[in-house]
């Protein structure tokens, strides 16, 4: 059965929720589901802006049939060819064989790679200088390469001042009936998942995201319509997500505080991390967060890194190397690549030290970042001398965080 939502008089949301998939990209947990947004523009010439994942294909097709009421579909606008958006694209193209497929050369190459069904006679390339005229609605295609795939574009409707922003400004989390961000407690419910989404999906391409934001600063945006999560129609929420993405893309932390990331085989390293947390608190650092990487999916920790100025990593040596949860986390973080952070390291070993050295080597690869204090390397469990070393390290971290606030 169809389920459409009106955004404006002529523009409708025709997406849907996915409560079936357990991990986005078979990698990131989505306990609250995810939306796949698509949009229908009703005009002299009709258009669908992006398709959806195949998991909600049936409802998606019913939505379009309902809104067309027997008319032809004129255009299928493809901003992004990733399977969570193009999973229903071939079915849509087959259902409406007269519809032109709007994209760029890479869009069409990816289409043919996925489906092995060239439709060259239906391809319509629209450059940034051109206008796609639907009648009342005038659309501009804005190039956004590597946000976060090379073919990505965003589409701007100058008539309604709506930006269809592809994956940018999206979030994990399904919609519980409220399509618009102002209908929800967006800051507490969706913003953390928007941060986790950005950090893990788009975070590697901060420079490219910044370039897109510069383009968007040149146009007036009244409604922001991403491919995942709520639609932004009110200035407060729209400015919040746009300002947040601007900070994240430039690696500007939200909090002058410390995130302690620990991974511990038997709890001894976790005790040292706890000592560090209390030592930092005694030195005036507020809103500290301790995350156990052995129990927490790395994607949540990556999202949190975008919040905190200071990072303390604590993990033991394991099989003559670094304990795997910390190894995985630091590989992901360094690949982003993280920058503009203050970092400190606490290792642990019983007979052969490797963890502290390996963690230090990762941090030294981070741009515009600083490894502060002497790395602490505990032998098996924290003793009085180790406690003093942790307190000295807390002095270094806290003083550096305070200077960052000035």
Protein backbone atom coordinates (compact mmCIF):
# COMPACT_ATOMS: atom_id res chain seq x y z
CA UNK A 1 0.00 0.00 0.00
CA UNK A 2 1.31 3.46 -0.88
CA UNK A 3 2.62 5.83 1.79
CA UNK A 4 3.50 9.33 0.60
CA UNK A 5 4.07 12.54 2.53
CA UNK A 6 3.62 16.07 1.21
CA UNK A 7 6.61 18.40 1.53
CA UNK A 8 5.20 21.23 -0.56
CA UNK A 9 2.17 21.43 -2.84
CA UNK A 10 4.07 19.81 -5.72
CA UNK A 11 6.78 17.81 -3.96
CA UNK A 12 6.23 14.57 -2.08
CA UNK A 13 8.37 12.20 -0.07
CA UNK A 14 8.06 8.70 -1.55
CA UNK A 15 10.70 6.86 0.48
CA UNK A 16 10.35 4.32 3.24
CA UNK A 17 11.81 2.75 6.36
CA UNK A 18 14.02 -0.31 6.58
CA UNK A 19 13.61 -2.21 9.85
CA UNK A 20 14.92 -5.47 8.37
CA UNK A 21 18.57 -4.74 7.64
CA UNK A 22 20.68 -5.22 10.79
CA UNK A 23 23.85 -3.54 9.54
CA UNK A 24 24.09 -0.68 7.07
CA UNK A 25 26.46 -1.72 4.28
CA UNK A 26 26.60 -5.01 6.24
CA UNK A 27 28.99 -3.18 8.55
CA UNK A 28 27.40 -0.51 10.77
CA UNK A 29 24.71 -1.50 13.31
CA UNK A 30 21.37 0.25 12.77
CA UNK A 31 19.26 -0.83 15.76
CA UNK A 32 16.76 1.95 15.02
CA UNK A 33 16.55 1.17 11.31
CA UNK A 34 17.23 3.56 8.45
CA UNK A 35 15.22 5.50 5.90
CA UNK A 36 15.75 5.56 2.17
CA UNK A 37 14.39 8.88 0.98
CA UNK A 38 13.14 9.57 -2.52
CA UNK A 39 11.17 12.52 -3.82
CA UNK A 40 8.50 13.09 -6.47
CA UNK A 41 8.06 16.42 -8.22
CA UNK A 42 4.60 16.90 -9.76
CA UNK A 43 4.74 19.37 -12.64
CA UNK A 44 4.10 19.61 -16.37
CA UNK A 45 6.96 17.17 -16.59
CA UNK A 46 7.21 14.82 -13.63
CA UNK A 47 10.39 13.71 -11.90
CA UNK A 48 11.59 11.23 -9.30
CA UNK A 49 14.70 12.35 -7.43
CA UNK A 50 16.72 9.23 -6.55
CA UNK A 51 15.46 5.71 -6.06
CA UNK A 52 15.64 3.47 -2.98
CA UNK A 53 17.06 0.21 -1.71
CA UNK A 54 15.48 -2.94 -3.09
CA UNK A 55 14.23 -3.87 0.39
CA UNK A 56 11.41 -1.28 0.07
CA UNK A 57 11.00 -1.48 -3.71
CA UNK A 58 7.33 -2.55 -3.70
CA UNK A 59 6.11 0.39 -1.63
CA UNK A 60 8.32 2.78 -3.58
CA UNK A 61 6.76 1.70 -6.87
CA UNK A 62 3.26 1.91 -5.38
CA UNK A 63 4.00 5.46 -4.21
CA UNK A 64 4.98 6.56 -7.70
CA UNK A 65 2.01 4.84 -9.33
CA UNK A 66 -0.32 6.55 -6.86
CA UNK A 67 1.07 10.03 -7.53
CA UNK A 68 1.25 9.66 -11.30
CA UNK A 69 -2.37 8.56 -11.56
CA UNK A 70 -1.77 6.97 -14.96
CA UNK A 71 0.50 9.72 -16.33
CA UNK A 72 3.99 9.18 -17.69
CA UNK A 73 7.12 9.77 -15.64
CA UNK A 74 9.35 12.28 -17.43
CA UNK A 75 12.65 12.15 -15.54
CA UNK A 76 14.55 9.93 -13.13
CA UNK A 77 17.20 12.09 -11.49
CA UNK A 78 20.11 10.08 -10.13
CA UNK A 79 22.22 11.98 -7.61
CA UNK A 80 23.91 8.86 -6.22
CA UNK A 81 24.41 5.35 -7.63
CA UNK A 82 25.15 3.46 -4.42
CA UNK A 83 22.96 0.34 -4.10
CA UNK A 84 20.99 1.63 -1.09
CA UNK A 85 19.64 4.25 -3.52
CA UNK A 86 19.87 2.55 -6.89
CA UNK A 87 18.57 -0.82 -5.74
CA UNK A 88 15.19 -0.03 -7.31
CA UNK A 89 16.50 2.06 -10.18
CA UNK A 90 16.34 -0.60 -12.88
CA UNK A 91 12.81 -1.57 -11.89
CA UNK A 92 11.82 2.11 -12.03
CA UNK A 93 13.40 2.57 -15.47
CA UNK A 94 11.67 -0.55 -16.77
CA UNK A 95 8.28 0.48 -15.38
CA UNK A 96 8.46 3.89 -17.10
CA UNK A 97 10.35 3.30 -20.35
CA UNK A 98 9.88 6.84 -21.66
CA UNK A 99 11.51 8.49 -18.63
CA UNK A 100 14.90 10.10 -19.24
CA UNK A 101 17.63 9.15 -16.77
CA UNK A 102 19.42 12.27 -15.57
CA UNK A 103 23.03 11.97 -14.47
CA UNK A 104 26.64 12.32 -15.56
CA UNK A 105 29.08 10.06 -17.37
CA UNK A 106 30.10 8.27 -14.18
CA UNK A 107 26.46 7.82 -13.17
CA UNK A 108 25.79 6.00 -16.43
CA UNK A 109 28.99 3.96 -16.22
CA UNK A 110 28.05 2.76 -12.72
CA UNK A 111 24.50 2.05 -13.91
CA UNK A 112 25.85 -0.25 -16.59
CA UNK A 113 28.33 -1.87 -14.21
CA UNK A 114 25.56 -2.74 -11.76
CA UNK A 115 22.87 -3.76 -14.23
CA UNK A 116 24.58 -4.63 -17.54
CA UNK A 117 21.67 -2.96 -19.30
CA UNK A 118 22.92 0.10 -21.22
CA UNK A 119 20.17 2.65 -21.89
CA UNK A 120 22.22 5.23 -23.76
CA UNK A 121 19.22 6.55 -25.70
CA UNK A 122 17.59 7.50 -22.40
CA UNK A 123 20.60 9.14 -20.72
CA UNK A 124 20.40 12.90 -20.20
CA UNK A 125 23.54 14.70 -19.09
CA UNK A 126 22.84 17.98 -17.33
CA UNK A 127 25.75 20.26 -16.43
CA UNK A 128 25.90 22.80 -13.61
CA UNK A 129 25.30 25.58 -16.13
CA UNK A 130 22.09 24.04 -17.45
CA UNK A 131 18.54 24.12 -16.10
CA UNK A 132 16.22 21.13 -16.11
CA UNK A 133 12.86 22.81 -16.71
CA UNK A 134 9.86 20.84 -15.44
CA UNK A 135 7.45 23.69 -16.08
CA UNK A 136 6.98 25.50 -12.79
CA UNK A 137 10.02 23.92 -11.17
CA UNK A 138 13.51 24.78 -12.41
CA UNK A 139 16.20 22.33 -11.35
CA UNK A 140 19.96 22.81 -11.18
CA UNK A 141 22.35 19.89 -10.84
CA UNK A 142 25.36 20.71 -8.63
CA UNK A 143 28.42 18.49 -8.83
CA UNK A 144 29.58 17.02 -5.50
CA UNK A 145 32.29 14.47 -6.38
CA UNK A 146 33.48 12.22 -3.55
CA UNK A 147 30.69 13.21 -1.17
CA UNK A 148 31.10 10.31 -0.92
CA UNK A 149 31.24 8.62 -4.37
CA UNK A 150 32.76 10.12 -7.54
CA UNK A 151 29.48 10.49 -9.46
CA UNK A 152 27.58 12.31 -6.70
CA UNK A 153 25.52 15.39 -7.43
CA UNK A 154 22.94 17.34 -5.48
CA UNK A 155 19.86 18.85 -7.12
CA UNK A 156 18.55 22.32 -6.34
CA UNK A 157 14.99 23.38 -7.10
CA UNK A 158 15.24 27.16 -7.43
CA UNK A 159 11.44 27.53 -7.49
CA UNK A 160 10.88 26.05 -4.03
CA UNK A 161 14.47 26.60 -2.81
CA UNK A 162 14.76 22.92 -1.97
CA UNK A 163 18.08 21.13 -1.99
CA UNK A 164 17.99 17.39 -2.64
CA UNK A 165 21.32 16.77 -0.98
CA UNK A 166 22.09 13.09 -1.66
CA UNK A 167 23.91 11.50 1.33
CA UNK A 168 25.10 14.82 2.75
CA UNK A 169 23.14 15.86 5.89
CA UNK A 170 21.74 12.33 6.28
CA UNK A 171 21.55 10.12 9.35
CA UNK A 172 20.90 6.61 10.52
CA UNK A 173 17.53 5.98 12.16
CA UNK A 174 14.08 5.31 10.74
CA UNK A 175 11.22 7.81 10.73
CA UNK A 176 8.43 7.11 13.22
CA UNK A 177 5.76 8.98 11.28
CA UNK A 178 7.42 12.37 11.61
CA UNK A 179 9.06 13.29 8.33
CA UNK A 180 10.31 16.72 9.34
CA UNK A 181 13.16 17.34 11.76
CA UNK A 182 11.16 20.03 13.58
CA UNK A 183 8.54 17.40 14.46
CA UNK A 184 11.14 15.45 16.43
CA UNK A 185 13.60 16.05 19.24
CA UNK A 186 16.21 16.17 16.51
CA UNK A 187 19.19 17.20 18.63
CA UNK A 188 18.94 14.26 21.00
CA UNK A 189 17.38 11.64 18.75
CA UNK A 190 18.89 12.09 15.29
CA UNK A 191 21.96 14.32 15.61
CA UNK A 192 24.11 11.62 17.29
CA UNK A 193 23.19 9.25 14.47
CA UNK A 194 23.87 11.98 11.90
CA UNK A 195 27.32 12.37 13.44
CA UNK A 196 27.91 8.60 13.36
CA UNK A 197 26.66 8.46 9.78
CA UNK A 198 28.88 11.34 8.68
CA UNK A 199 31.94 10.00 10.50
CA UNK A 200 31.75 6.51 9.10
CA UNK A 201 30.27 7.11 5.65
CA UNK A 202 31.46 10.55 4.55
CA UNK A 203 34.14 11.44 7.09
CA UNK A 204 37.08 10.47 4.89
CA UNK A 205 36.01 13.12 2.39
CA UNK A 206 35.94 16.21 4.58
CA UNK A 207 37.77 18.37 2.05
CA UNK A 208 35.28 17.46 -0.68
CA UNK A 209 32.39 18.06 1.70
CA UNK A 210 33.81 21.48 2.49
CA UNK A 211 33.97 22.27 -1.23
CA UNK A 212 30.29 21.37 -1.59
CA UNK A 213 29.37 23.54 1.39
CA UNK A 214 31.07 26.51 -0.26
CA UNK A 215 28.86 26.00 -3.31
CA UNK A 216 25.77 25.75 -1.14
CA UNK A 217 26.62 29.02 0.58
CA UNK A 218 25.93 30.72 -2.75
CA UNK A 219 22.28 29.65 -2.90
CA UNK A 220 19.24 30.18 -0.69
CA UNK A 221 18.03 26.93 0.87
CA UNK A 222 14.59 26.78 2.45
CA UNK A 223 14.19 23.01 2.65
CA UNK A 224 16.95 20.43 2.91
CA UNK A 225 16.02 16.94 1.69
CA UNK A 226 18.73 14.29 2.21
CA UNK A 227 18.60 10.63 1.20
CA UNK A 228 18.53 9.35 4.80
CA UNK A 229 16.81 10.69 7.91
CA UNK A 230 14.44 13.62 8.42
CA UNK A 231 13.73 16.49 6.03
CA UNK A 232 14.71 19.96 7.26
CA UNK A 233 12.11 22.69 6.67
CA UNK A 234 12.71 24.97 9.69
CA UNK A 235 15.77 27.19 10.02
CA UNK A 236 16.75 26.01 13.50
CA UNK A 237 17.22 22.35 12.56
CA UNK A 238 18.48 23.13 9.07
CA UNK A 239 21.17 25.45 10.43
CA UNK A 240 22.06 22.91 13.13
CA UNK A 241 22.80 20.10 10.67
CA UNK A 242 24.54 22.35 8.14
CA UNK A 243 26.71 23.94 10.83
CA UNK A 244 27.46 20.51 12.29
CA UNK A 245 28.54 19.07 8.96
CA UNK A 246 30.71 22.14 8.39
CA UNK A 247 32.47 21.51 11.73
CA UNK A 248 32.84 17.79 11.11
CA UNK A 249 34.22 18.31 7.62
CA UNK A 250 36.91 20.59 9.02
CA UNK A 251 37.58 18.38 12.07
CA UNK A 252 36.56 21.11 14.52
CA UNK A 253 35.63 19.39 17.81
CA UNK A 254 32.31 20.14 19.46
CA UNK A 255 33.64 19.67 22.99
CA UNK A 256 36.85 20.75 24.65
CA UNK A 257 36.82 17.55 26.63
CA UNK A 258 38.33 14.06 26.54
CA UNK A 259 37.15 10.78 25.07
CA UNK A 260 38.89 7.79 26.67
CA UNK A 261 38.87 4.74 24.44
CA UNK A 262 39.88 1.54 26.17
CA UNK A 263 40.07 -2.11 25.21
CA UNK A 264 40.95 -4.57 27.94
CA UNK A 265 41.31 -8.37 27.89
CA UNK A 266 40.95 -8.95 31.64
CA UNK A 267 40.04 -5.56 33.05
CA UNK A 268 43.47 -4.33 34.18
CA UNK A 269 43.79 -1.85 31.32
CA UNK A 270 40.22 -0.72 31.95
CA UNK A 271 41.21 0.06 35.55
CA UNK A 272 44.04 2.26 34.29
CA UNK A 273 41.63 4.04 31.92
CA UNK A 274 39.31 4.66 34.85
CA UNK A 275 42.21 6.11 36.85
CA UNK A 276 42.90 8.44 33.94
CA UNK A 277 39.26 9.53 33.84
CA UNK A 278 39.19 10.40 37.55
CA UNK A 279 42.55 12.17 37.28
CA UNK A 280 41.27 14.32 34.41
CA UNK A 281 38.10 15.13 36.34
CA UNK A 282 40.19 16.22 39.34
CA UNK A 283 41.95 18.61 36.99
CA UNK A 284 38.76 20.31 35.91
CA UNK A 285 37.92 18.41 32.73
CA UNK A 286 34.15 17.97 32.45
CA UNK A 287 31.93 15.79 30.29
CA UNK A 288 34.53 13.03 29.98
CA UNK A 289 33.40 9.88 28.18
CA UNK A 290 34.91 6.41 28.57
CA UNK A 291 34.17 3.90 25.79
CA UNK A 292 34.95 0.19 25.95
CA UNK A 293 35.94 -0.77 22.41
CA UNK A 294 35.57 -4.46 23.27
CA UNK A 295 31.85 -3.97 23.90
CA UNK A 296 31.01 -1.01 21.66
CA UNK A 297 30.89 -1.17 17.88
CA UNK A 298 33.71 0.90 16.44
CA UNK A 299 31.29 3.03 14.41
CA UNK A 300 29.92 4.64 17.59
CA UNK A 301 33.45 5.43 18.77
CA UNK A 302 34.33 6.95 15.39
CA UNK A 303 31.24 9.16 15.65
CA UNK A 304 32.27 10.28 19.13
CA UNK A 305 35.75 11.25 17.93
CA UNK A 306 34.14 14.09 15.96
CA UNK A 307 32.89 15.53 19.26
CA UNK A 308 35.99 15.52 21.45
CA UNK A 309 39.21 17.52 21.30
CA UNK A 310 41.17 15.08 23.46
CA UNK A 311 41.57 11.35 22.86
CA UNK A 312 43.20 8.91 25.27
CA UNK A 313 43.78 5.37 23.99
CA UNK A 314 44.37 2.53 26.47
CA UNK A 315 44.97 -1.06 25.37
CA UNK A 316 47.21 -4.06 26.11
CA UNK A 317 49.70 -5.98 24.04
CA UNK A 318 48.11 -9.09 22.55
CA UNK A 319 49.94 -11.81 20.59
CA UNK A 320 52.99 -9.54 20.43
CA UNK A 321 50.91 -6.80 18.81
CA UNK A 322 48.00 -4.50 19.69
CA UNK A 323 44.76 -5.80 21.18
CA UNK A 324 42.45 -6.30 18.14
CA UNK A 325 39.54 -3.98 19.06
CA UNK A 326 41.96 -1.07 19.46
CA UNK A 327 43.88 -2.08 16.34
CA UNK A 328 40.68 -2.04 14.27
CA UNK A 329 39.54 1.27 15.72
CA UNK A 330 42.87 3.01 15.09
CA UNK A 331 43.06 1.64 11.55
CA UNK A 332 39.63 3.08 10.79
CA UNK A 333 40.39 6.39 12.50
CA UNK A 334 43.75 6.86 10.81
CA UNK A 335 42.25 6.04 7.40
CA UNK A 336 39.71 8.86 7.70
CA UNK A 337 42.23 10.58 8.35
CA UNK A 338 41.64 12.12 11.78
CA UNK A 339 43.26 15.49 12.44
CA UNK A 340 43.29 18.42 14.87
CA UNK A 341 43.27 16.33 18.03
CA UNK A 342 45.19 16.07 21.30
CA UNK A 343 46.09 12.47 22.06
CA UNK A 344 47.68 10.36 24.79
CA UNK A 345 48.46 6.65 25.09
CA UNK A 346 48.34 4.09 27.89
CA UNK A 347 49.68 0.62 27.12
CA UNK A 348 49.84 -2.58 29.13
CA UNK A 349 51.96 -5.71 28.81
CA UNK A 350 53.15 -8.65 30.89
CA UNK A 351 56.30 -9.90 29.16
CA UNK A 352 56.75 -8.00 25.87
CA UNK A 353 55.67 -4.43 25.19
CA UNK A 354 54.08 -3.60 21.84
CA UNK A 355 50.74 -1.85 22.41
CA UNK A 356 52.04 1.55 23.54
CA UNK A 357 54.53 1.71 20.66
CA UNK A 358 51.91 0.76 18.05
CA UNK A 359 49.30 3.21 19.35
CA UNK A 360 51.89 5.98 19.42
CA UNK A 361 52.82 5.21 15.79
CA UNK A 362 49.19 5.56 14.71
CA UNK A 363 48.80 8.92 16.46
CA UNK A 364 51.98 10.23 14.88
CA UNK A 365 50.31 9.83 11.47
CA UNK A 366 47.45 12.20 12.37
CA UNK A 367 47.69 15.62 10.79
CA UNK A 368 47.62 18.77 12.93
CA UNK A 369 47.48 16.61 16.05
CA UNK A 370 49.65 16.41 19.14
CA UNK A 371 50.75 13.43 21.20
CA UNK A 372 51.11 14.87 24.70
CA UNK A 373 52.97 13.65 27.77
CA UNK A 374 54.96 10.47 28.27
CA UNK A 375 53.22 7.31 27.10
CA UNK A 376 52.35 5.15 30.10
CA UNK A 377 53.23 1.45 29.74
CA UNK A 378 51.91 -0.66 32.61
CA UNK A 379 53.32 -4.07 33.49
CA UNK A 380 50.28 -6.33 33.97
CA UNK A 381 48.39 -4.15 36.48
CA UNK A 382 48.55 -0.59 37.75
CA UNK A 383 50.83 0.05 40.74
CA UNK A 384 51.72 3.19 42.66
CA UNK A 385 54.35 4.25 40.15
CA UNK A 386 51.92 3.73 37.29
CA UNK A 387 49.31 5.82 39.10
CA UNK A 388 51.81 8.65 39.36
CA UNK A 389 52.60 8.33 35.64
CA UNK A 390 48.89 8.42 34.82
CA UNK A 391 48.45 11.54 36.95
CA UNK A 392 51.39 13.19 35.18
CA UNK A 393 49.83 12.27 31.85
CA UNK A 394 46.51 13.72 33.04
CA UNK A 395 48.35 16.94 33.89
CA UNK A 396 49.67 17.13 30.32
CA UNK A 397 46.32 16.34 28.69
CA UNK A 398 44.30 18.67 30.93
CA UNK A 399 46.67 21.61 30.54
CA UNK A 400 46.64 21.15 26.78
CA UNK A 401 42.83 20.98 26.69
CA UNK A 402 42.60 24.15 28.77
CA UNK A 403 44.99 25.95 26.39
CA UNK A 404 42.83 24.84 23.49
CA UNK A 405 39.86 26.61 25.12
CA UNK A 406 41.71 29.94 25.27
